[in-house]
């Protein structure tokens, strides 16, 4: 995930390219969505969600 972010190829649900690596995150039970965690607080906003479908090597 962080390699893809560093390469500039990861976007959140609102279409913004992620610029900062994730240190922690939550993955939904179906494995399709990632929510970042900042300062031990999950950021579960719809526009900030990250789809795992854009990551070819993300385990499913």
N, C-alpha and C. Protein backbone atom coordinates (compact mmCIF):
# COMPACT_ATOMS: atom_id res chain seq x y z
N UNK A 1 0.81 -1.18 0.00
CA UNK A 1 0.00 0.00 0.00
C UNK A 1 0.87 1.26 0.00
N UNK A 2 1.81 1.33 0.91
CA UNK A 2 2.65 2.52 0.99
C UNK A 2 3.55 2.68 -0.23
N UNK A 3 3.94 1.59 -0.86
CA UNK A 3 4.72 1.71 -2.11
C UNK A 3 3.86 2.36 -3.19
N UNK A 4 2.59 1.95 -3.26
CA UNK A 4 1.68 2.53 -4.25
C UNK A 4 1.42 4.01 -3.95
N UNK A 5 1.31 4.36 -2.66
CA UNK A 5 1.13 5.76 -2.29
C UNK A 5 2.36 6.56 -2.70
N UNK A 6 3.55 6.03 -2.43
CA UNK A 6 4.80 6.73 -2.80
C UNK A 6 4.90 6.91 -4.31
N UNK A 7 4.35 5.97 -5.07
CA UNK A 7 4.38 6.07 -6.53
C UNK A 7 3.31 7.02 -7.06
N UNK A 8 2.43 7.50 -6.18
CA UNK A 8 1.40 8.44 -6.60
C UNK A 8 0.23 7.79 -7.29
N UNK A 9 0.00 6.51 -7.03
CA UNK A 9 -1.06 5.80 -7.76
C UNK A 9 -2.26 5.43 -6.90
N UNK A 10 -2.39 6.02 -5.72
CA UNK A 10 -3.52 5.70 -4.84
C UNK A 10 -4.36 6.96 -4.63
N UNK A 11 -5.66 6.80 -4.84
CA UNK A 11 -6.60 7.91 -4.64
C UNK A 11 -7.64 7.52 -3.60
N UNK A 12 -8.14 8.51 -2.90
CA UNK A 12 -9.24 8.24 -1.98
C UNK A 12 -10.56 8.35 -2.75
N UNK A 13 -11.67 8.16 -2.06
CA UNK A 13 -12.97 8.14 -2.73
C UNK A 13 -13.33 9.47 -3.38
N UNK A 14 -12.78 10.56 -2.90
CA UNK A 14 -13.06 11.86 -3.52
C UNK A 14 -12.13 12.17 -4.69
N UNK A 15 -11.22 11.23 -5.01
CA UNK A 15 -10.35 11.38 -6.16
C UNK A 15 -9.01 12.03 -5.89
N UNK A 16 -8.74 12.38 -4.64
CA UNK A 16 -7.46 13.00 -4.30
C UNK A 16 -6.36 11.96 -4.20
N UNK A 17 -5.19 12.28 -4.74
CA UNK A 17 -4.04 11.38 -4.65
C UNK A 17 -3.49 11.44 -3.24
N UNK A 18 -3.28 10.28 -2.63
CA UNK A 18 -2.71 10.24 -1.29
C UNK A 18 -1.23 10.59 -1.37
N UNK A 19 -0.78 11.41 -0.44
CA UNK A 19 0.61 11.86 -0.45
C UNK A 19 1.40 11.34 0.74
N UNK A 20 0.71 10.90 1.78
CA UNK A 20 1.39 10.44 3.00
C UNK A 20 1.17 8.95 3.20
N UNK A 21 2.24 8.27 3.56
CA UNK A 21 2.15 6.83 3.84
C UNK A 21 1.25 6.59 5.05
N UNK A 22 0.65 5.42 5.10
CA UNK A 22 -0.20 5.04 6.22
C UNK A 22 0.63 4.29 7.25
N UNK A 23 0.51 4.68 8.50
CA UNK A 23 1.18 3.92 9.56
C UNK A 23 0.23 2.90 10.16
N UNK A 24 -1.05 3.22 10.17
CA UNK A 24 -2.09 2.32 10.65
C UNK A 24 -3.34 2.52 9.81
N UNK A 25 -4.13 1.47 9.70
CA UNK A 25 -5.38 1.57 8.95
C UNK A 25 -6.32 0.46 9.34
N UNK A 26 -7.59 0.66 9.03
CA UNK A 26 -8.61 -0.37 9.21
C UNK A 26 -9.04 -0.84 7.84
N UNK A 27 -9.24 -2.13 7.70
CA UNK A 27 -9.73 -2.71 6.46
C UNK A 27 -11.09 -3.31 6.74
N UNK A 28 -12.06 -3.04 5.88
CA UNK A 28 -13.40 -3.60 6.07
C UNK A 28 -13.37 -5.12 5.96
N UNK A 29 -14.38 -5.76 6.52
CA UNK A 29 -14.45 -7.23 6.55
C UNK A 29 -14.39 -7.81 5.14
N UNK A 30 -15.00 -7.14 4.18
CA UNK A 30 -14.98 -7.65 2.80
C UNK A 30 -13.66 -7.37 2.09
N UNK A 31 -12.76 -6.61 2.73
CA UNK A 31 -11.45 -6.34 2.17
C UNK A 31 -11.44 -5.34 1.03
N UNK A 32 -12.52 -4.60 0.85
CA UNK A 32 -12.61 -3.70 -0.29
C UNK A 32 -12.29 -2.24 0.03
N UNK A 33 -12.29 -1.88 1.32
CA UNK A 33 -12.10 -0.49 1.69
C UNK A 33 -11.12 -0.36 2.85
N UNK A 34 -10.28 0.66 2.77
CA UNK A 34 -9.32 0.96 3.82
C UNK A 34 -9.64 2.34 4.38
N UNK A 35 -9.59 2.46 5.71
CA UNK A 35 -9.73 3.75 6.38
C UNK A 35 -8.45 4.00 7.17
N UNK A 36 -7.87 5.16 7.02
CA UNK A 36 -6.63 5.49 7.72
C UNK A 36 -6.90 5.76 9.20
N UNK A 37 -5.87 5.60 9.99
CA UNK A 37 -5.93 5.93 11.42
C UNK A 37 -4.89 7.01 11.67
N UNK A 38 -5.33 8.11 12.27
CA UNK A 38 -4.42 9.22 12.59
C UNK A 38 -4.50 9.49 14.08
N UNK A 39 -3.36 9.50 14.74
CA UNK A 39 -3.30 9.76 16.19
C UNK A 39 -4.24 8.83 16.96
N UNK A 40 -4.23 7.56 16.56
CA UNK A 40 -5.05 6.51 17.19
C UNK A 40 -6.55 6.71 16.99
N UNK A 41 -6.95 7.54 16.04
CA UNK A 41 -8.37 7.77 15.76
C UNK A 41 -8.67 7.35 14.32
N UNK A 42 -9.58 6.38 14.13
CA UNK A 42 -9.96 5.99 12.77
C UNK A 42 -10.68 7.15 12.07
N UNK A 43 -10.27 7.43 10.85
CA UNK A 43 -10.90 8.46 10.04
C UNK A 43 -11.83 7.74 9.06
N UNK A 44 -13.07 7.59 9.46
CA UNK A 44 -14.02 6.79 8.69
C UNK A 44 -15.00 7.66 7.91
N UNK A 45 -14.45 8.62 7.21
CA UNK A 45 -15.25 9.50 6.36
C UNK A 45 -15.34 8.88 4.97
N UNK A 46 -16.52 8.92 4.39
CA UNK A 46 -16.74 8.31 3.08
C UNK A 46 -15.77 8.85 2.03
N UNK A 47 -15.55 10.15 2.02
CA UNK A 47 -14.67 10.76 1.01
C UNK A 47 -13.20 10.40 1.20
N UNK A 48 -12.82 9.99 2.41
CA UNK A 48 -11.43 9.63 2.69
C UNK A 48 -11.16 8.13 2.56
N UNK A 49 -12.19 7.35 2.28
CA UNK A 49 -12.03 5.91 2.13
C UNK A 49 -11.12 5.60 0.94
N UNK A 50 -10.40 4.50 1.03
CA UNK A 50 -9.48 4.08 -0.02
C UNK A 50 -9.93 2.71 -0.52
N UNK A 51 -10.21 2.61 -1.79
CA UNK A 51 -10.63 1.34 -2.37
C UNK A 51 -9.42 0.45 -2.61
N UNK A 52 -9.50 -0.81 -2.17
CA UNK A 52 -8.40 -1.74 -2.40
C UNK A 52 -8.37 -2.24 -3.84
N UNK A 53 -9.42 -1.98 -4.60
CA UNK A 53 -9.48 -2.44 -6.00
C UNK A 53 -8.42 -1.77 -6.87
N UNK A 54 -7.89 -0.64 -6.42
CA UNK A 54 -6.85 0.04 -7.19
C UNK A 54 -5.45 -0.50 -6.88
N UNK A 55 -5.38 -1.46 -5.96
CA UNK A 55 -4.10 -2.06 -5.56
C UNK A 55 -4.05 -3.50 -6.07
N UNK A 56 -3.27 -3.72 -7.10
CA UNK A 56 -3.22 -5.05 -7.74
C UNK A 56 -2.77 -6.16 -6.81
N UNK A 57 -1.84 -5.87 -5.90
CA UNK A 57 -1.29 -6.92 -5.06
C UNK A 57 -1.88 -6.94 -3.64
N UNK A 58 -3.03 -6.26 -3.44
CA UNK A 58 -3.65 -6.26 -2.11
C UNK A 58 -4.33 -7.61 -1.88
N UNK A 59 -4.02 -8.27 -0.76
CA UNK A 59 -4.62 -9.59 -0.51
C UNK A 59 -6.14 -9.49 -0.34
N UNK A 60 -6.83 -10.44 -0.90
CA UNK A 60 -8.29 -10.47 -0.81
C UNK A 60 -8.74 -11.71 -0.10
